[in-house]
Amino acid sequence: MRLILILSLFALALAACEKRPAPIESVESLVANPQRLKELREACKADHAKVGDAQCNAVAEATRRRFLGQGQSPYAGDPVKPPAPPAAESAPPANSAPKD
């Protein structure tokens, strides 16, 4: 009985000492603060596991938003159209012999 009590207290102490993850900074706050974004981008590059997936994903999204603006590529509405494929000519097929 005494052993169970000691083990229960030990388990309770471990649960109380469990390290809670640090709150992540939002994408919006990172977009508004380029210096902090740069610091976190470097931290994610140096030690992704230490910074955490959630924060590094927010850093990546904030970087994308700062680069692309409102989510639209600057080339999305490009008025220059690709050239049309050449039109098929009405020439006779290469395998046919000329008619006399």
C-alpha atoms as a PDB file:
ATOM      1  CA  MET A   1       0.000   0.000   0.000  1.00  0.00           C
ATOM      2  CA  ARG A   2       2.804   2.355   0.871  1.00  0.00           C
ATOM      3  CA  LEU A   3       4.548   1.621  -2.466  1.00  0.00           C
ATOM      4  CA  ILE A   4       1.397   2.499  -4.410  1.00  0.00           C
ATOM      5  CA  LEU A   5       1.129   5.783  -2.548  1.00  0.00           C
ATOM      6  CA  ILE A   6       4.775   6.653  -3.295  1.00  0.00           C
ATOM      7  CA  LEU A   7       4.376   5.752  -6.975  1.00  0.00           C
ATOM      8  CA  SER A   8       1.183   7.812  -7.207  1.00  0.00           C
ATOM      9  CA  LEU A   9       2.899  10.837  -5.697  1.00  0.00           C
ATOM     10  CA  PHE A  10       5.859  10.388  -8.042  1.00  0.00           C
ATOM     11  CA  ALA A  11       3.537  10.231 -11.075  1.00  0.00           C
ATOM     12  CA  LEU A  12       1.678  13.305  -9.851  1.00  0.00           C
ATOM     13  CA  ALA A  13       4.947  15.209  -9.431  1.00  0.00           C
ATOM     14  CA  LEU A  14       6.060  14.292 -12.938  1.00  0.00           C
ATOM     15  CA  ALA A  15       2.743  15.445 -14.398  1.00  0.00           C
ATOM     16  CA  ALA A  16       3.021  18.765 -12.568  1.00  0.00           C
ATOM     17  CA  CYS A  17       6.552  19.342 -13.857  1.00  0.00           C
ATOM     18  CA  GLU A  18       5.637  18.609 -17.460  1.00  0.00           C
ATOM     19  CA  LYS A  19       6.900  21.350 -19.728  1.00  0.00           C
ATOM     20  CA  ARG A  20       4.107  23.138 -21.533  1.00  0.00           C
ATOM     21  CA  PRO A  21       4.738  24.279 -25.098  1.00  0.00           C
ATOM     22  CA  ALA A  22       5.286  27.972 -25.577  1.00  0.00           C
ATOM     23  CA  PRO A  23       2.437  29.774 -27.329  1.00  0.00           C
ATOM     24  CA  ILE A  24       3.128  30.355 -30.998  1.00  0.00           C
ATOM     25  CA  GLU A  25       3.129  33.761 -32.599  1.00  0.00           C
ATOM     26  CA  SER A  26       0.346  34.241 -35.113  1.00  0.00           C
ATOM     27  CA  VAL A  27       0.869  34.619 -38.831  1.00  0.00           C
ATOM     28  CA  GLU A  28      -0.684  38.096 -38.733  1.00  0.00           C
ATOM     29  CA  SER A  29       1.665  39.313 -35.996  1.00  0.00           C
ATOM     30  CA  LEU A  30       4.663  37.968 -37.905  1.00  0.00           C
ATOM     31  CA  VAL A  31       3.547  39.647 -41.137  1.00  0.00           C
ATOM     32  CA  ALA A  32       3.309  42.929 -39.239  1.00  0.00           C
ATOM     33  CA  ASN A  33       6.725  42.496 -37.570  1.00  0.00           C
ATOM     34  CA  PRO A  34       9.378  41.655 -40.215  1.00  0.00           C
ATOM     35  CA  GLN A  35      12.274  41.744 -37.726  1.00  0.00           C
ATOM     36  CA  ARG A  36      10.649  39.081 -35.521  1.00  0.00           C
ATOM     37  CA  LEU A  37       9.783  37.063 -38.625  1.00  0.00           C
ATOM     38  CA  LYS A  38      13.432  37.129 -39.668  1.00  0.00           C
ATOM     39  CA  GLU A  39      14.563  35.991 -36.203  1.00  0.00           C
ATOM     40  CA  LEU A  40      12.118  33.095 -36.143  1.00  0.00           C
ATOM     41  CA  ARG A  41      12.940  32.104 -39.721  1.00  0.00           C
ATOM     42  CA  GLU A  42      16.607  31.823 -38.749  1.00  0.00           C
ATOM     43  CA  ALA A  43      15.701  29.900 -35.575  1.00  0.00           C
ATOM     44  CA  CYS A  44      13.591  27.438 -37.583  1.00  0.00           C
ATOM     45  CA  LYS A  45      16.453  26.968 -40.014  1.00  0.00           C
ATOM     46  CA  ALA A  46      18.962  26.381 -37.194  1.00  0.00           C
ATOM     47  CA  ASP A  47      16.864  24.048 -34.996  1.00  0.00           C
ATOM     48  CA  HIS A  48      13.398  23.209 -36.340  1.00  0.00           C
ATOM     49  CA  ALA A  49      12.725  20.653 -33.579  1.00  0.00           C
ATOM     50  CA  LYS A  50      13.410  23.161 -30.803  1.00  0.00           C
ATOM     51  CA  VAL A  51      11.186  25.882 -32.287  1.00  0.00           C
ATOM     52  CA  GLY A  52       8.420  23.419 -33.173  1.00  0.00           C
ATOM     53  CA  ASP A  53       6.382  22.527 -36.223  1.00  0.00           C
ATOM     54  CA  ALA A  54       3.470  24.841 -35.426  1.00  0.00           C
ATOM     55  CA  GLN A  55       5.658  27.938 -35.083  1.00  0.00           C
ATOM     56  CA  CYS A  56       7.795  27.114 -38.125  1.00  0.00           C
ATOM     57  CA  ASN A  57       4.637  26.555 -40.196  1.00  0.00           C
ATOM     58  CA  ALA A  58       3.358  29.971 -39.084  1.00  0.00           C
ATOM     59  CA  VAL A  59       6.729  31.484 -40.035  1.00  0.00           C
ATOM     60  CA  ALA A  60       6.547  29.883 -43.485  1.00  0.00           C
ATOM     61  CA  GLU A  61       2.998  31.147 -44.053  1.00  0.00           C
ATOM     62  CA  ALA A  62       3.922  34.677 -42.913  1.00  0.00           C
ATOM     63  CA  THR A  63       6.931  34.665 -45.248  1.00  0.00           C
ATOM     64  CA  ARG A  64       4.704  33.541 -48.126  1.00  0.00           C
ATOM     65  CA  ARG A  65       2.156  36.284 -47.391  1.00  0.00           C
ATOM     66  CA  ARG A  66       4.823  38.986 -47.195  1.00  0.00           C
ATOM     67  CA  PHE A  67       6.308  37.819 -50.487  1.00  0.00           C
ATOM     68  CA  LEU A  68       3.059  37.366 -52.425  1.00  0.00           C
ATOM     69  CA  GLY A  69       0.991  40.076 -50.777  1.00  0.00           C
ATOM     70  CA  GLN A  70      -2.688  39.179 -50.658  1.00  0.00           C
ATOM     71  CA  GLY A  71      -2.092  35.688 -51.956  1.00  0.00           C
ATOM     72  CA  GLN A  72      -1.974  36.621 -55.617  1.00  0.00           C
ATOM     73  CA  SER A  73       1.145  36.186 -57.631  1.00  0.00           C
ATOM     74  CA  PRO A  74       2.148  39.373 -59.410  1.00  0.00           C
ATOM     75  CA  TYR A  75       2.082  37.332 -62.617  1.00  0.00           C
ATOM     76  CA  ALA A  76      -1.431  35.894 -62.169  1.00  0.00           C
ATOM     77  CA  GLY A  77      -3.142  38.616 -64.221  1.00  0.00           C
ATOM     78  CA  ASP A  78      -0.378  38.972 -66.779  1.00  0.00           C
ATOM     79  CA  PRO A  79      -1.967  40.381 -69.983  1.00  0.00           C
ATOM     80  CA  VAL A  80       0.643  38.747 -72.193  1.00  0.00           C
ATOM     81  CA  LYS A  81      -0.836  35.591 -73.671  1.00  0.00           C
ATOM     82  CA  PRO A  82       1.252  32.651 -74.870  1.00  0.00           C
ATOM     83  CA  PRO A  83       1.483  32.347 -78.649  1.00  0.00           C
ATOM     84  CA  ALA A  84      -1.173  30.281 -80.387  1.00  0.00           C
ATOM     85  CA  PRO A  85      -0.083  26.949 -81.845  1.00  0.00           C
ATOM     86  CA  PRO A  86       0.584  27.038 -85.598  1.00  0.00           C
ATOM     87  CA  ALA A  87      -2.491  26.447 -87.733  1.00  0.00           C
ATOM     88  CA  ALA A  88      -2.663  23.178 -89.653  1.00  0.00           C
ATOM     89  CA  GLU A  89      -1.891  23.850 -93.303  1.00  0.00           C
ATOM     90  CA  SER A  90      -3.944  22.294 -96.064  1.00  0.00           C
ATOM     91  CA  ALA A  91      -0.884  20.669 -97.669  1.00  0.00           C
ATOM     92  CA  PRO A  92      -1.220  17.094 -98.946  1.00  0.00           C
ATOM     93  CA  PRO A  93       0.090  14.370 -96.637  1.00  0.00           C
ATOM     94  CA  ALA A  94       3.763  13.525 -97.094  1.00  0.00           C
ATOM     95  CA  ASN A  95       3.029   9.900 -98.106  1.00  0.00           C
ATOM     96  CA  SER A  96       0.787  10.676-101.065  1.00  0.00           C
ATOM     97  CA  ALA A  97       2.197  10.820-104.585  1.00  0.00           C
ATOM     98  CA  PRO A  98       1.504  13.828-106.806  1.00  0.00           C
ATOM     99  CA  LYS A  99      -1.387  13.361-109.236  1.00  0.00           C
ATOM    100  CA  ASP A 100      -0.764  13.583-113.002  1.00  0.00           C
END
